[in-house]
């Protein structure tokens, strides 16, 4: 928790992204320190699997509905 001390104060005062000496922090260093590659891939695969599961669920539902409509005249 110590490394985040004063973070919200800097957001409130608008000094976020500025080092104490006045230089601007580059976006790459702060973003990749914040998320990192392992978390990026973990969330990427989670989103991919959720999307794939939704696609399969919709395909099954519409496959059954279409099959019922095709069989309806024979019943």
PDB file of N, CA and C in Angstrom:
ATOM      1  N   UNK A   1       0.810  -1.186   0.000  1.00  0.00           N
ATOM      2  CA  UNK A   1       0.000   0.000   0.000  1.00  0.00           C
ATOM      3  C   UNK A   1       0.860   1.259   0.000  1.00  0.00           C
ATOM      4  N   UNK A   2       2.108   1.134   0.448  1.00  0.00           N
ATOM      5  CA  UNK A   2       2.959   2.306   0.521  1.00  0.00           C
ATOM      6  C   UNK A   2       3.243   2.904  -0.843  1.00  0.00           C
ATOM      7  N   UNK A   3       3.368   2.061  -1.881  1.00  0.00           N
ATOM      8  CA  UNK A   3       3.764   2.602  -3.178  1.00  0.00           C
ATOM      9  C   UNK A   3       2.649   3.449  -3.802  1.00  0.00           C
ATOM     10  N   UNK A   4       1.405   3.330  -3.312  1.00  0.00           N
ATOM     11  CA  UNK A   4       0.311   4.121  -3.858  1.00  0.00           C
ATOM     12  C   UNK A   4      -0.024   5.334  -2.999  1.00  0.00           C
ATOM     13  N   UNK A   5       0.763   5.589  -1.995  1.00  0.00           N
ATOM     14  CA  UNK A   5       0.476   6.715  -1.120  1.00  0.00           C
ATOM     15  C   UNK A   5       0.571   8.036  -1.902  1.00  0.00           C
ATOM     16  N   UNK A   6      -0.421   8.865  -1.775  1.00  0.00           N
ATOM     17  CA  UNK A   6      -0.426  10.152  -2.455  1.00  0.00           C
ATOM     18  C   UNK A   6      -0.928  10.085  -3.888  1.00  0.00           C
ATOM     19  N   UNK A   7      -1.322   8.914  -4.361  1.00  0.00           N
ATOM     20  CA  UNK A   7      -1.775   8.784  -5.742  1.00  0.00           C
ATOM     21  C   UNK A   7      -3.049   9.581  -5.976  1.00  0.00           C
ATOM     22  N   UNK A   8      -4.031   9.432  -5.109  1.00  0.00           N
ATOM     23  CA  UNK A   8      -5.290  10.123  -5.310  1.00  0.00           C
ATOM     24  C   UNK A   8      -5.156  11.623  -5.129  1.00  0.00           C
ATOM     25  N   UNK A   9      -4.214  12.050  -4.295  1.00  0.00           N
ATOM     26  CA  UNK A   9      -3.957  13.483  -4.169  1.00  0.00           C
ATOM     27  C   UNK A   9      -3.434  14.045  -5.479  1.00  0.00           C
ATOM     28  N   UNK A  10      -2.568  13.307  -6.156  1.00  0.00           N
ATOM     29  CA  UNK A  10      -2.031  13.797  -7.418  1.00  0.00           C
ATOM     30  C   UNK A  10      -3.109  13.830  -8.493  1.00  0.00           C
ATOM     31  N   UNK A  11      -4.063  12.915  -8.433  1.00  0.00           N
ATOM     32  CA  UNK A  11      -5.160  12.933  -9.395  1.00  0.00           C
ATOM     33  C   UNK A  11      -6.042  14.139  -9.141  1.00  0.00           C
ATOM     34  N   UNK A  12      -6.335  14.417  -7.871  1.00  0.00           N
ATOM     35  CA  UNK A  12      -7.219  15.526  -7.527  1.00  0.00           C
ATOM     36  C   UNK A  12      -6.611  16.879  -7.879  1.00  0.00           C
ATOM     37  N   UNK A  13      -5.285  17.001  -7.756  1.00  0.00           N
ATOM     38  CA  UNK A  13      -4.652  18.285  -8.035  1.00  0.00           C
ATOM     39  C   UNK A  13      -4.232  18.430  -9.488  1.00  0.00           C
ATOM     40  N   UNK A  14      -4.391  17.368 -10.288  1.00  0.00           N
ATOM     41  CA  UNK A  14      -4.038  17.452 -11.702  1.00  0.00           C
ATOM     42  C   UNK A  14      -2.561  17.289 -11.972  1.00  0.00           C
ATOM     43  N   UNK A  15      -1.793  16.768 -11.015  1.00  0.00           N
ATOM     44  CA  UNK A  15      -0.358  16.593 -11.216  1.00  0.00           C
ATOM     45  C   UNK A  15      -0.020  15.159 -11.583  1.00  0.00           C
ATOM     46  N   UNK A  16      -1.025  14.388 -11.952  1.00  0.00           N
ATOM     47  CA  UNK A  16      -0.806  12.988 -12.293  1.00  0.00           C
ATOM     48  C   UNK A  16       0.052  12.902 -13.561  1.00  0.00           C
ATOM     49  N   UNK A  17       1.064  12.047 -13.554  1.00  0.00           N
ATOM     50  CA  UNK A  17       1.930  11.894 -14.708  1.00  0.00           C
ATOM     51  C   UNK A  17       3.097  12.863 -14.732  1.00  0.00           C
ATOM     52  N   UNK A  18       3.290  13.631 -13.655  1.00  0.00           N
ATOM     53  CA  UNK A  18       4.404  14.581 -13.581  1.00  0.00           C
ATOM     54  C   UNK A  18       5.308  14.177 -12.424  1.00  0.00           C
ATOM     55  N   UNK A  19       6.589  14.047 -12.713  1.00  0.00           N
ATOM     56  CA  UNK A  19       7.562  13.706 -11.666  1.00  0.00           C
ATOM     57  C   UNK A  19       7.816  14.922 -10.782  1.00  0.00           C
ATOM     58  N   UNK A  20       8.366  14.702  -9.592  1.00  0.00           N
ATOM     59  CA  UNK A  20       8.631  15.831  -8.699  1.00  0.00           C
ATOM     60  C   UNK A  20       9.551  16.891  -9.304  1.00  0.00           C
ATOM     61  N   UNK A  21      10.456  16.504 -10.229  1.00  0.00           N
ATOM     62  CA  UNK A  21      11.342  17.493 -10.833  1.00  0.00           C
ATOM     63  C   UNK A  21      10.671  18.247 -11.981  1.00  0.00           C
ATOM     64  N   UNK A  22       9.415  17.934 -12.279  1.00  0.00           N
ATOM     65  CA  UNK A  22       8.674  18.658 -13.310  1.00  0.00           C
ATOM     66  C   UNK A  22       8.619  17.964 -14.653  1.00  0.00           C
ATOM     67  N   UNK A  23       9.388  16.896 -14.843  1.00  0.00           N
ATOM     68  CA  UNK A  23       9.360  16.182 -16.119  1.00  0.00           C
ATOM     69  C   UNK A  23       8.128  15.277 -16.188  1.00  0.00           C
ATOM     70  N   UNK A  24       7.695  15.013 -17.405  1.00  0.00           N
ATOM     71  CA  UNK A  24       6.484  14.216 -17.608  1.00  0.00           C
ATOM     72  C   UNK A  24       6.851  12.734 -17.672  1.00  0.00           C
ATOM     73  N   UNK A  25       6.055  11.922 -17.009  1.00  0.00           N
ATOM     74  CA  UNK A  25       6.250  10.469 -17.026  1.00  0.00           C
ATOM     75  C   UNK A  25       5.735   9.946 -18.356  1.00  0.00           C
ATOM     76  N   UNK A  26       6.532   9.080 -18.998  1.00  0.00           N
ATOM     77  CA  UNK A  26       6.086   8.527 -20.270  1.00  0.00           C
ATOM     78  C   UNK A  26       4.979   7.516 -20.035  1.00  0.00           C
ATOM     79  N   UNK A  27       4.076   7.420 -21.001  1.00  0.00           N
ATOM     80  CA  UNK A  27       2.917   6.545 -20.870  1.00  0.00           C
ATOM     81  C   UNK A  27       3.325   5.076 -20.814  1.00  0.00           C
ATOM     82  N   UNK A  28       4.316   4.669 -21.587  1.00  0.00           N
ATOM     83  CA  UNK A  28       4.695   3.262 -21.651  1.00  0.00           C
ATOM     84  C   UNK A  28       5.176   2.744 -20.303  1.00  0.00           C
ATOM     85  N   UNK A  29       5.989   3.513 -19.622  1.00  0.00           N
ATOM     86  CA  UNK A  29       6.529   3.015 -18.365  1.00  0.00           C
ATOM     87  C   UNK A  29       5.449   2.869 -17.307  1.00  0.00           C
ATOM     88  N   UNK A  30       4.509   3.800 -17.240  1.00  0.00           N
ATOM     89  CA  UNK A  30       3.487   3.699 -16.204  1.00  0.00           C
ATOM     90  C   UNK A  30       2.459   2.642 -16.555  1.00  0.00           C
ATOM     91  N   UNK A  31       2.067   2.514 -17.823  1.00  0.00           N
ATOM     92  CA  UNK A  31       1.041   1.538 -18.189  1.00  0.00           C
ATOM     93  C   UNK A  31       1.529   0.115 -17.982  1.00  0.00           C
ATOM     94  N   UNK A  32       2.716  -0.202 -18.481  1.00  0.00           N
ATOM     95  CA  UNK A  32       3.183  -1.587 -18.388  1.00  0.00           C
ATOM     96  C   UNK A  32       3.607  -1.954 -16.985  1.00  0.00           C
ATOM     97  N   UNK A  33       3.985  -0.979 -16.175  1.00  0.00           N
ATOM     98  CA  UNK A  33       4.216  -1.283 -14.763  1.00  0.00           C
ATOM     99  C   UNK A  33       2.883  -1.563 -14.079  1.00  0.00           C
ATOM    100  N   UNK A  34       1.822  -0.937 -14.558  1.00  0.00           N
ATOM    101  CA  UNK A  34       0.515  -1.091 -13.925  1.00  0.00           C
ATOM    102  C   UNK A  34      -0.123  -2.433 -14.289  1.00  0.00           C
ATOM    103  N   UNK A  35      -0.099  -2.823 -15.575  1.00  0.00           N
ATOM    104  CA  UNK A  35      -0.815  -4.031 -15.976  1.00  0.00           C
ATOM    105  C   UNK A  35       0.124  -5.216 -16.167  1.00  0.00           C
ATOM    106  N   UNK A  36       1.179  -5.091 -16.892  1.00  0.00           N
ATOM    107  CA  UNK A  36       2.118  -6.183 -17.127  1.00  0.00           C
ATOM    108  C   UNK A  36       1.608  -7.189 -18.134  1.00  0.00           C
ATOM    109  N   UNK A  37       2.532  -7.928 -18.717  1.00  0.00           N
ATOM    110  CA  UNK A  37       2.158  -8.919 -19.732  1.00  0.00           C
ATOM    111  C   UNK A  37       1.349 -10.075 -19.196  1.00  0.00           C
ATOM    112  N   UNK A  38       1.657 -10.667 -18.040  1.00  0.00           N
ATOM    113  CA  UNK A  38       0.846 -11.803 -17.577  1.00  0.00           C
ATOM    114  C   UNK A  38      -0.627 -11.447 -17.404  1.00  0.00           C
ATOM    115  N   UNK A  39      -0.904 -10.285 -16.823  1.00  0.00           N
ATOM    116  CA  UNK A  39      -2.289  -9.871 -16.646  1.00  0.00           C
ATOM    117  C   UNK A  39      -2.949  -9.592 -17.985  1.00  0.00           C
ATOM    118  N   UNK A  40      -2.203  -8.994 -18.909  1.00  0.00           N
ATOM    119  CA  UNK A  40      -2.758  -8.718 -20.236  1.00  0.00           C
ATOM    120  C   UNK A  40      -3.222 -10.006 -20.894  1.00  0.00           C
ATOM    121  N   UNK A  41      -2.379 -11.045 -20.927  1.00  0.00           N
ATOM    122  CA  UNK A  41      -2.750 -12.300 -21.578  1.00  0.00           C
ATOM    123  C   UNK A  41      -3.858 -13.018 -20.824  1.00  0.00           C
ATOM    124  N   UNK A  42      -3.850 -12.921 -19.492  1.00  0.00           N
ATOM    125  CA  UNK A  42      -4.908 -13.559 -18.710  1.00  0.00           C
ATOM    126  C   UNK A  42      -6.264 -12.965 -19.074  1.00  0.00           C
ATOM    127  N   UNK A  43      -6.351 -11.644 -19.133  1.00  0.00           N
ATOM    128  CA  UNK A  43      -7.621 -11.003 -19.477  1.00  0.00           C
ATOM    129  C   UNK A  43      -7.969 -11.181 -20.956  1.00  0.00           C
ATOM    130  N   UNK A  44      -6.964 -11.243 -21.811  1.00  0.00           N
ATOM    131  CA  UNK A  44      -7.211 -11.489 -23.233  1.00  0.00           C
ATOM    132  C   UNK A  44      -7.865 -12.848 -23.435  1.00  0.00           C
ATOM    133  N   UNK A  45      -7.287 -13.886 -22.812  1.00  0.00           N
ATOM    134  CA  UNK A  45      -7.847 -15.227 -22.972  1.00  0.00           C
ATOM    135  C   UNK A  45      -9.198 -15.355 -22.292  1.00  0.00           C
ATOM    136  N   UNK A  46      -9.407 -14.664 -21.184  1.00  0.00           N
ATOM    137  CA  UNK A  46     -10.714 -14.667 -20.538  1.00  0.00           C
ATOM    138  C   UNK A  46     -11.767 -14.093 -21.482  1.00  0.00           C
ATOM    139  N   UNK A  47     -11.483 -12.957 -22.101  1.00  0.00           N
ATOM    140  CA  UNK A  47     -12.418 -12.351 -23.043  1.00  0.00           C
ATOM    141  C   UNK A  47     -12.654 -13.232 -24.255  1.00  0.00           C
ATOM    142  N   UNK A  48     -11.600 -13.863 -24.747  1.00  0.00           N
ATOM    143  CA  UNK A  48     -11.733 -14.756 -25.892  1.00  0.00           C
ATOM    144  C   UNK A  48     -12.642 -15.931 -25.564  1.00  0.00           C
ATOM    145  N   UNK A  49     -12.447 -16.534 -24.394  1.00  0.00           N
ATOM    146  CA  UNK A  49     -13.261 -17.679 -23.998  1.00  0.00           C
ATOM    147  C   UNK A  49     -14.714 -17.299 -23.756  1.00  0.00           C
ATOM    148  N   UNK A  50     -14.957 -16.136 -23.174  1.00  0.00           N
ATOM    149  CA  UNK A  50     -16.330 -15.673 -22.971  1.00  0.00           C
ATOM    150  C   UNK A  50     -17.004 -15.464 -24.315  1.00  0.00           C
ATOM    151  N   UNK A  51     -16.306 -14.853 -25.261  1.00  0.00           N
ATOM    152  CA  UNK A  51     -16.867 -14.621 -26.593  1.00  0.00           C
ATOM    153  C   UNK A  51     -17.147 -15.941 -27.302  1.00  0.00           C
ATOM    154  N   UNK A  52     -16.225 -16.868 -27.220  1.00  0.00           N
ATOM    155  CA  UNK A  52     -16.415 -18.173 -27.852  1.00  0.00           C
ATOM    156  C   UNK A  52     -17.596 -18.923 -27.229  1.00  0.00           C
ATOM    157  N   UNK A  53     -17.724 -18.870 -25.916  1.00  0.00           N
ATOM    158  CA  UNK A  53     -18.847 -19.510 -25.238  1.00  0.00           C
ATOM    159  C   UNK A  53     -20.181 -18.900 -25.633  1.00  0.00           C
ATOM    160  N   UNK A  54     -20.225 -17.577 -25.749  1.00  0.00           N
ATOM    161  CA  UNK A  54     -21.464 -16.918 -26.169  1.00  0.00           C
ATOM    162  C   UNK A  54     -21.813 -17.310 -27.595  1.00  0.00           C
ATOM    163  N   UNK A  55     -20.821 -17.381 -28.465  1.00  0.00           N
ATOM    164  CA  UNK A  55     -21.062 -17.772 -29.860  1.00  0.00           C
ATOM    165  C   UNK A  55     -21.615 -19.198 -29.935  1.00  0.00           C
ATOM    166  N   UNK A  56     -21.039 -20.106 -29.176  1.00  0.00           N
ATOM    167  CA  UNK A  56     -21.503 -21.497 -29.189  1.00  0.00           C
ATOM    168  C   UNK A  56     -22.926 -21.590 -28.633  1.00  0.00           C
ATOM    169  N   UNK A  57     -23.211 -20.846 -27.571  1.00  0.00           N
ATOM    170  CA  UNK A  57     -24.558 -20.852 -26.999  1.00  0.00           C
ATOM    171  C   UNK A  57     -25.603 -20.336 -27.969  1.00  0.00           C
ATOM    172  N   UNK A  58     -25.291 -19.251 -28.663  1.00  0.00           N
ATOM    173  CA  UNK A  58     -26.222 -18.701 -29.649  1.00  0.00           C
ATOM    174  C   UNK A  58     -26.379 -19.665 -30.812  1.00  0.00           C
ATOM    175  N   UNK A  59     -25.299 -20.294 -31.249  1.00  0.00           N
ATOM    176  CA  UNK A  59     -25.375 -21.250 -32.360  1.00  0.00           C
ATOM    177  C   UNK A  59     -26.254 -22.452 -31.992  1.00  0.00           C
ATOM    178  N   UNK A  60     -26.133 -22.947 -30.779  1.00  0.00           N
ATOM    179  CA  UNK A  60     -26.973 -24.064 -30.347  1.00  0.00           C
ATOM    180  C   UNK A  60     -28.436 -23.639 -30.300  1.00  0.00           C
ATOM    181  N   UNK A  61     -28.711 -22.475 -29.723  1.00  0.00           N
ATOM    182  CA  UNK A  61     -30.089 -21.997 -29.618  1.00  0.00           C
ATOM    183  C   UNK A  61     -30.725 -21.840 -30.997  1.00  0.00           C
ATOM    184  N   UNK A  62     -30.036 -21.130 -31.898  1.00  0.00           N
ATOM    185  CA  UNK A  62     -30.602 -20.918 -33.226  1.00  0.00           C
ATOM    186  C   UNK A  62     -30.638 -22.210 -34.043  1.00  0.00           C
ATOM    187  N   UNK A  63     -29.703 -23.115 -33.814  1.00  0.00           N
ATOM    188  CA  UNK A  63     -29.747 -24.410 -34.489  1.00  0.00           C
ATOM    189  C   UNK A  63     -30.979 -25.203 -34.087  1.00  0.00           C
ATOM    190  N   UNK A  64     -31.293 -25.210 -32.797  1.00  0.00           N
ATOM    191  CA  UNK A  64     -32.504 -25.895 -32.329  1.00  0.00           C
ATOM    192  C   UNK A  64     -33.760 -25.211 -32.851  1.00  0.00           C
ATOM    193  N   UNK A  65     -33.795 -23.880 -32.802  1.00  0.00           N
ATOM    194  CA  UNK A  65     -34.979 -23.155 -33.274  1.00  0.00           C
ATOM    195  C   UNK A  65     -35.199 -23.403 -34.767  1.00  0.00           C
ATOM    196  N   UNK A  66     -34.149 -23.374 -35.549  1.00  0.00           N
ATOM    197  CA  UNK A  66     -34.254 -23.609 -36.985  1.00  0.00           C
ATOM    198  C   UNK A  66     -34.667 -25.054 -37.271  1.00  0.00           C
ATOM    199  N   UNK A  67     -34.117 -25.990 -36.513  1.00  0.00           N
ATOM    200  CA  UNK A  67     -34.495 -27.384 -36.672  1.00  0.00           C
ATOM    201  C   UNK A  67     -35.973 -27.615 -36.359  1.00  0.00           C
ATOM    202  N   UNK A  68     -36.478 -26.981 -35.321  1.00  0.00           N
ATOM    203  CA  UNK A  68     -37.887 -27.098 -34.977  1.00  0.00           C
ATOM    204  C   UNK A  68     -38.757 -26.518 -36.092  1.00  0.00           C
ATOM    205  N   UNK A  69     -38.367 -25.378 -36.641  1.00  0.00           N
ATOM    206  CA  UNK A  69     -39.131 -24.775 -37.734  1.00  0.00           C
ATOM    207  C   UNK A  69     -39.131 -25.650 -38.974  1.00  0.00           C
ATOM    208  N   UNK A  70     -38.013 -26.333 -39.241  1.00  0.00           N
ATOM    209  CA  UNK A  70     -37.961 -27.229 -40.402  1.00  0.00           C
ATOM    210  C   UNK A  70     -38.838 -28.466 -40.201  1.00  0.00           C
ATOM    211  N   UNK A  71     -38.904 -28.964 -38.953  1.00  0.00           N
ATOM    212  CA  UNK A  71     -39.670 -30.172 -38.671  1.00  0.00           C
ATOM    213  C   UNK A  71     -41.150 -29.913 -38.447  1.00  0.00           C
ATOM    214  N   UNK A  72     -41.518 -28.657 -38.258  1.00  0.00           N
ATOM    215  CA  UNK A  72     -42.911 -28.334 -37.927  1.00  0.00           C
ATOM    216  C   UNK A  72     -43.924 -28.820 -38.981  1.00  0.00           C
ATOM    217  N   UNK A  73     -43.650 -28.672 -40.273  1.00  0.00           N
ATOM    218  CA  UNK A  73     -44.654 -29.135 -41.253  1.00  0.00           C
ATOM    219  C   UNK A  73     -44.873 -30.647 -41.215  1.00  0.00           C
ATOM    220  N   UNK A  74     -43.885 -31.406 -40.749  1.00  0.00           N
ATOM    221  CA  UNK A  74     -44.034 -32.876 -40.743  1.00  0.00           C
ATOM    222  C   UNK A  74     -44.757 -33.370 -39.495  1.00  0.00           C
ATOM    223  N   UNK A  75     -44.931 -32.527 -38.506  1.00  0.00           N
ATOM    224  CA  UNK A  75     -45.574 -32.986 -37.264  1.00  0.00           C
ATOM    225  C   UNK A  75     -47.067 -32.990 -37.345  1.00  0.00           C
TER     226      UNK A  75
END
